[in-house]
Amino acid sequence: MKRRDFLKTAFLGVITFALNKVDSFGSSPSLYPDLVVAKGERPCMLVRSAILALGGMSRFISRGDVVVIKPNIGWDRTPEMAANTNPDVVAELIGLCYEAGAKLVKVFDRSVNDPRRCYVQSGIEKAATSAGGKVIYPDDRKFKRVDIRGETLKSWEISTDVLEADKVINVPIAKHHSLAGLTMSIKNWMGVMGGFRGLIHQRLDDSLADLAAFIRPALTVLDATRVLVRGGPQGGDLRNVVKMDTIIAGVDQVAVDAYGATLFGIRPEDIGHIKKAAMRGVGKMDIDRMRIRRLSPK
């Protein structure tokens, strides 16, 4: 065995042992938690440990898959401003996808500010490229009108990269939002929409619930390492940023957002799009009925 392979095997063994020590749901390997909440100071370790606790990336990504990772890269802000997803979180997920056998991992968002500035200032372009990801800039020619068939949103232009991907991983950041209350997993889908997105603000919560019902990610990883608690979604004042050192991961995007709301001291049912998505059967909102595994990897 090569030294690199030996170290990798040993590393995974240590994490597996630690996970078993931290929490256990019994002897059945098929009984995965609904959510994993990992807390610590190393974002990459938090991501890796959380995905392992969910069954490993091979549970979600198959060999040969083309994967789209959808972070929030909406704003011309540096990472410490907490307006965009932590670049270390994005890079770690790219690496895990390739370890699971992905053929190609793309990273995409339709930014609000100038995309080329957002991708660079956020640190995501450099991190994603270094991890082997293919950074995709928004292009109006690469959106296709599709039937959403929602209660409010009947059809819309959606990114063809997202539509044609074998798997999509949603990687939002948790932050305050002046219109939606909070922006996390469900709100992050606005970044795959083409056209004039401002039109959906007339019935924002309903439209977001329709989007969540249409786009079902293989995995959702909520970045709450640095959290913008006021002044969102763009931010710009470090006094509004709280370092929470938390990653929340799960299959159910509604459940992820429901738990994420509690980080702000807000009940999930008080965020309109979370409540409406749960009512439409997109996912679960009742945290008390979820199996949650909490980790503190070192």
Protein backbone atom coordinates (compact mmCIF):
# COMPACT_ATOMS: atom_id res chain seq x y z
CA MET A 1 0.00 0.00 0.00
CA LYS A 2 1.34 3.43 -0.95
CA ARG A 3 2.00 5.82 1.91
CA ARG A 4 -0.68 8.25 0.62
CA ASP A 5 -3.29 5.50 0.48
CA PHE A 6 -2.29 4.26 3.91
CA LEU A 7 -2.65 7.74 5.43
CA LYS A 8 -6.02 8.23 3.75
CA THR A 9 -7.30 4.88 5.04
CA ALA A 10 -6.03 5.62 8.52
CA PHE A 11 -7.64 9.07 8.45
CA LEU A 12 -11.04 7.69 7.47
CA GLY A 13 -10.72 5.02 10.14
CA VAL A 14 -10.10 7.64 12.83
CA ILE A 15 -13.15 9.64 11.72
CA THR A 16 -15.34 6.53 11.62
CA PHE A 17 -14.25 5.60 15.14
CA ALA A 18 -14.93 9.16 16.32
CA LEU A 19 -18.41 9.17 14.78
CA ASN A 20 -19.27 5.91 16.51
CA LYS A 21 -18.08 7.33 19.81
CA VAL A 22 -20.02 10.58 19.43
CA ASP A 23 -23.38 9.09 18.57
CA SER A 24 -25.07 5.83 17.60
CA PHE A 25 -28.47 4.90 16.23
CA GLY A 26 -28.06 1.18 16.71
CA SER A 27 -26.40 -1.60 14.77
CA SER A 28 -28.25 -1.22 11.47
CA PRO A 29 -25.98 0.42 8.87
CA SER A 30 -29.03 1.44 6.81
CA LEU A 31 -30.45 3.72 9.49
CA TYR A 32 -29.05 7.12 8.54
CA PRO A 33 -29.85 10.30 10.42
CA ASP A 34 -32.14 12.89 8.86
CA LEU A 35 -29.60 15.59 9.59
CA VAL A 36 -26.00 15.83 10.67
CA VAL A 37 -24.94 18.94 12.57
CA ALA A 38 -21.17 19.24 12.81
CA LYS A 39 -19.45 21.93 14.86
CA GLY A 40 -15.77 22.84 14.97
CA GLU A 41 -13.18 25.25 13.66
CA ARG A 42 -12.10 23.36 10.53
CA PRO A 43 -14.70 23.65 7.72
CA CYS A 44 -13.17 20.89 5.60
CA MET A 45 -13.22 18.44 8.50
CA LEU A 46 -16.81 19.40 9.32
CA VAL A 47 -17.94 18.70 5.76
CA ARG A 48 -16.08 15.40 5.48
CA SER A 49 -17.30 14.17 8.87
CA ALA A 50 -20.91 15.18 8.17
CA ILE A 51 -21.01 13.39 4.81
CA LEU A 52 -19.43 10.28 6.31
CA ALA A 53 -22.09 10.27 9.03
CA LEU A 54 -24.76 10.35 6.30
CA GLY A 55 -23.29 7.23 4.72
CA GLY A 56 -20.43 8.69 2.68
CA MET A 57 -20.47 10.54 -0.62
CA SER A 58 -20.81 7.26 -2.54
CA ARG A 59 -24.35 7.10 -1.15
CA PHE A 60 -25.17 10.18 -3.25
CA ILE A 61 -22.71 10.18 -6.15
CA SER A 62 -22.13 7.25 -8.50
CA ARG A 63 -19.08 6.52 -10.61
CA GLY A 64 -19.23 8.47 -13.87
CA ASP A 65 -21.70 11.10 -12.62
CA VAL A 66 -21.61 14.68 -13.85
CA VAL A 67 -22.30 16.72 -10.73
CA VAL A 68 -23.33 20.34 -10.32
CA ILE A 69 -22.47 21.97 -7.01
CA LYS A 70 -24.63 25.04 -6.44
CA PRO A 71 -23.16 27.42 -3.85
CA ASN A 72 -24.23 30.99 -3.21
CA ILE A 73 -21.85 33.21 -5.24
CA GLY A 74 -24.29 36.08 -5.53
CA TRP A 75 -22.26 38.97 -4.21
CA ASP A 76 -19.02 40.85 -4.77
CA ARG A 77 -17.84 40.15 -1.22
CA THR A 78 -14.84 38.49 0.38
CA PRO A 79 -15.36 35.30 2.44
CA GLU A 80 -15.22 37.01 5.85
CA MET A 81 -18.30 39.07 4.91
CA ALA A 82 -20.44 35.87 4.92
CA ALA A 83 -22.44 36.87 1.84
CA ASN A 84 -21.31 33.82 -0.17
CA THR A 85 -20.70 30.17 0.61
CA ASN A 86 -17.38 29.41 2.31
CA PRO A 87 -14.92 28.43 -0.47
CA ASP A 88 -13.33 25.72 1.72
CA VAL A 89 -16.73 24.02 2.00
CA VAL A 90 -17.14 24.04 -1.78
CA ALA A 91 -13.63 22.68 -2.37
CA GLU A 92 -14.10 19.83 0.11
CA LEU A 93 -17.34 18.74 -1.53
CA ILE A 94 -15.69 18.73 -4.95
CA GLY A 95 -12.95 16.50 -3.60
CA LEU A 96 -15.46 14.12 -2.03
CA CYS A 97 -17.38 13.86 -5.31
CA TYR A 98 -14.23 12.87 -7.18
CA GLU A 99 -13.33 10.37 -4.47
CA ALA A 100 -16.76 8.79 -5.03
CA GLY A 101 -16.00 8.46 -8.75
CA ALA A 102 -17.63 11.54 -10.29
CA LYS A 103 -16.60 12.14 -13.90
CA LEU A 104 -16.89 15.92 -13.68
CA VAL A 105 -17.89 18.40 -11.00
CA LYS A 106 -19.20 21.78 -12.12
CA VAL A 107 -19.67 24.81 -9.88
CA PHE A 108 -22.36 27.30 -10.88
CA ASP A 109 -24.41 30.24 -9.67
CA ARG A 110 -26.15 33.09 -11.44
CA SER A 111 -24.70 35.93 -9.42
CA VAL A 112 -26.52 39.15 -8.60
CA ASN A 113 -23.41 41.33 -8.93
CA ASP A 114 -20.92 40.98 -11.81
CA PRO A 115 -20.22 37.21 -11.90
CA ARG A 116 -16.52 37.53 -12.69
CA ARG A 117 -15.99 39.74 -9.65
CA CYS A 118 -18.21 37.55 -7.45
CA TYR A 119 -16.47 34.32 -8.39
CA VAL A 120 -13.05 35.83 -7.67
CA GLN A 121 -13.86 37.93 -4.59
CA SER A 122 -15.74 35.08 -2.93
CA GLY A 123 -12.67 32.87 -3.21
CA ILE A 124 -14.81 30.16 -4.79
CA GLU A 125 -13.28 30.24 -8.27
CA LYS A 126 -9.77 29.64 -6.94
CA ALA A 127 -10.88 27.01 -4.41
CA ALA A 128 -13.05 25.14 -6.89
CA THR A 129 -10.43 25.14 -9.64
CA SER A 130 -7.73 23.97 -7.23
CA ALA A 131 -9.97 21.05 -6.22
CA GLY A 132 -10.50 20.03 -9.85
CA GLY A 133 -13.92 21.58 -10.30
CA LYS A 134 -15.07 23.25 -13.52
CA VAL A 135 -16.29 26.77 -12.84
CA ILE A 136 -19.29 27.69 -14.98
CA TYR A 137 -20.14 31.34 -15.54
CA PRO A 138 -23.79 32.22 -16.20
CA ASP A 139 -24.65 32.50 -19.88
CA ASP A 140 -28.12 33.60 -21.03
CA ARG A 141 -27.91 31.05 -23.86
CA LYS A 142 -27.64 28.21 -21.33
CA PHE A 143 -31.09 28.55 -19.77
CA LYS A 144 -34.10 26.57 -20.94
CA ARG A 145 -37.76 27.28 -20.24
CA VAL A 146 -39.28 24.27 -18.54
CA ASP A 147 -42.60 23.41 -16.94
CA ILE A 148 -42.32 23.95 -13.19
CA ARG A 149 -46.00 23.08 -12.73
CA GLY A 150 -46.09 24.78 -9.38
CA GLU A 151 -49.04 26.39 -7.68
CA THR A 152 -47.64 29.83 -8.53
CA LEU A 153 -44.62 29.27 -10.74
CA LYS A 154 -45.89 27.51 -13.85
CA SER A 155 -42.76 27.70 -16.01
CA TRP A 156 -39.37 29.41 -15.99
CA GLU A 157 -35.92 29.43 -17.59
CA ILE A 158 -33.63 27.08 -15.64
CA SER A 159 -29.89 26.47 -16.10
CA THR A 160 -29.27 23.65 -18.56
CA ASP A 161 -26.19 22.63 -16.55
CA VAL A 162 -28.50 21.93 -13.62
CA LEU A 163 -31.19 20.28 -15.76
CA GLU A 164 -28.71 17.96 -17.48
CA ALA A 165 -26.60 17.03 -14.45
CA ASP A 166 -26.71 13.50 -13.09
CA LYS A 167 -26.67 14.89 -9.54
CA VAL A 168 -27.02 18.34 -7.96
CA ILE A 169 -25.63 19.29 -4.57
CA ASN A 170 -27.04 22.43 -2.97
CA VAL A 171 -24.46 24.33 -0.88
CA PRO A 172 -26.04 27.54 0.43
CA ILE A 173 -24.83 29.83 3.17
CA ALA A 174 -27.13 30.63 6.10
CA LYS A 175 -27.89 34.34 6.31
CA HIS A 176 -30.47 37.00 6.92
CA HIS A 177 -32.54 38.18 3.95
CA SER A 178 -34.48 41.43 3.91
CA LEU A 179 -37.40 40.03 1.86
CA ALA A 180 -37.48 36.29 2.58
CA GLY A 181 -36.50 36.54 6.24
CA LEU A 182 -33.70 34.03 5.77
CA THR A 183 -31.88 32.63 2.76
CA MET A 184 -30.61 29.06 2.93
CA SER A 185 -31.25 25.95 0.81
CA ILE A 186 -34.63 26.73 -0.73
CA LYS A 187 -33.86 30.38 -1.44
CA ASN A 188 -30.54 29.36 -3.04
CA TRP A 189 -32.44 27.91 -6.01
CA MET A 190 -33.01 31.42 -7.33
CA GLY A 191 -29.43 31.15 -8.54
CA VAL A 192 -30.38 28.56 -11.18
CA MET A 193 -33.09 30.78 -12.67
CA GLY A 194 -32.69 32.83 -15.83
CA GLY A 195 -34.75 35.81 -16.92
CA PHE A 196 -35.91 38.61 -14.63
CA ARG A 197 -36.09 36.92 -11.25
CA GLY A 198 -37.56 40.01 -9.59
CA LEU A 199 -40.97 38.99 -10.92
CA ILE A 200 -41.27 36.19 -8.38
CA HIS A 201 -40.95 38.65 -5.50
CA GLN A 202 -44.66 39.35 -5.88
CA ARG A 203 -45.35 35.89 -4.43
CA LEU A 204 -41.88 35.00 -3.22
CA ASP A 205 -42.67 32.29 -0.65
CA ASP A 206 -45.01 30.41 -2.98
CA SER A 207 -42.57 30.63 -5.89
CA LEU A 208 -39.68 29.39 -3.77
CA ALA A 209 -41.75 26.43 -2.58
CA ASP A 210 -42.54 25.63 -6.23
CA LEU A 211 -38.83 25.71 -7.09
CA ALA A 212 -37.98 23.42 -4.18
CA ALA A 213 -40.60 20.93 -5.36
CA PHE A 214 -39.15 21.01 -8.88
CA ILE A 215 -35.41 20.79 -8.10
CA ARG A 216 -34.60 17.89 -5.82
CA PRO A 217 -30.91 17.81 -4.87
CA ALA A 218 -29.08 14.59 -4.08
CA LEU A 219 -27.62 16.30 -1.03
CA THR A 220 -27.85 19.63 0.78
CA VAL A 221 -24.99 21.08 2.82
CA LEU A 222 -25.72 24.31 4.68
CA ASP A 223 -22.70 26.48 5.42
CA ALA A 224 -23.10 28.16 8.81
CA THR A 225 -19.41 28.60 9.50
CA ARG A 226 -19.75 32.38 9.23
CA VAL A 227 -23.33 33.64 9.46
CA LEU A 228 -24.71 37.00 8.36
CA VAL A 229 -27.32 37.69 11.05
CA ARG A 230 -28.30 41.18 9.84
CA GLY A 231 -27.99 43.23 6.67
CA GLY A 232 -28.58 40.38 4.27
CA PRO A 233 -28.41 39.19 1.66
CA GLN A 234 -25.50 41.37 0.51
CA GLY A 235 -23.95 42.29 3.83
CA GLY A 236 -20.80 44.38 3.97
CA ASP A 237 -20.47 45.07 7.69
CA LEU A 238 -18.35 42.66 9.72
CA ARG A 239 -20.31 43.62 12.83
CA ASN A 240 -23.24 41.66 11.34
CA VAL A 241 -21.22 38.45 10.96
CA VAL A 242 -21.22 35.76 13.66
CA LYS A 243 -18.76 32.86 13.56
CA MET A 244 -20.88 29.76 14.29
CA ASP A 245 -18.47 27.10 12.94
CA THR A 246 -21.37 24.83 11.93
CA ILE A 247 -22.21 22.60 8.96
CA ILE A 248 -25.70 21.10 8.56
CA ALA A 249 -26.08 18.29 6.03
CA GLY A 250 -28.98 16.14 4.90
CA VAL A 251 -31.03 14.82 2.01
CA ASP A 252 -34.15 16.80 2.95
CA GLN A 253 -33.70 20.47 2.02
CA VAL A 254 -36.70 21.53 4.10
CA ALA A 255 -35.29 19.81 7.18
CA VAL A 256 -31.91 21.47 6.64
CA ASP A 257 -33.54 24.89 6.42
CA ALA A 258 -35.80 24.19 9.39
CA TYR A 259 -32.79 23.47 11.57
CA GLY A 260 -30.91 26.39 10.04
CA ALA A 261 -33.66 28.78 11.11
CA THR A 262 -33.04 27.85 14.73
CA LEU A 263 -29.51 29.25 14.47
CA PHE A 264 -31.15 32.66 14.19
CA GLY A 265 -33.58 32.00 17.05
CA ILE A 266 -36.42 31.71 14.54
CA ARG A 267 -39.07 28.98 14.38
CA PRO A 268 -39.11 27.25 10.95
CA GLU A 269 -42.84 27.85 10.58
CA ASP A 270 -42.22 31.60 10.80
CA ILE A 271 -40.29 31.55 7.51
CA GLY A 272 -42.90 31.50 4.77
CA HIS A 273 -41.10 29.48 2.11
CA ILE A 274 -40.03 26.79 4.59
CA LYS A 275 -43.58 26.38 5.84
CA LYS A 276 -45.07 26.30 2.34
CA ALA A 277 -42.50 23.77 1.09
CA ALA A 278 -43.27 21.51 4.04
CA MET A 279 -47.03 21.84 3.44
CA ARG A 280 -46.50 20.75 -0.17
CA GLY A 281 -44.67 17.63 0.90
CA VAL A 282 -41.21 18.69 -0.23
CA GLY A 283 -39.75 17.75 3.16
CA LYS A 284 -40.14 17.74 6.95
CA MET A 285 -40.18 20.83 9.13
CA ASP A 286 -40.77 19.34 12.59
CA ILE A 287 -37.32 19.22 14.17
CA ASP A 288 -38.58 17.27 17.19
CA ARG A 289 -39.42 14.33 14.91
CA MET A 290 -36.03 14.25 13.14
CA ARG A 291 -33.11 11.95 13.82
CA ILE A 292 -30.22 14.37 14.26
CA ARG A 293 -26.62 13.34 14.71
CA ARG A 294 -24.41 15.97 16.33
CA LEU A 295 -20.65 15.87 15.82
CA SER A 296 -17.68 17.77 17.14
CA PRO A 297 -14.79 16.52 15.00
CA LYS A 298 -11.31 17.73 15.96
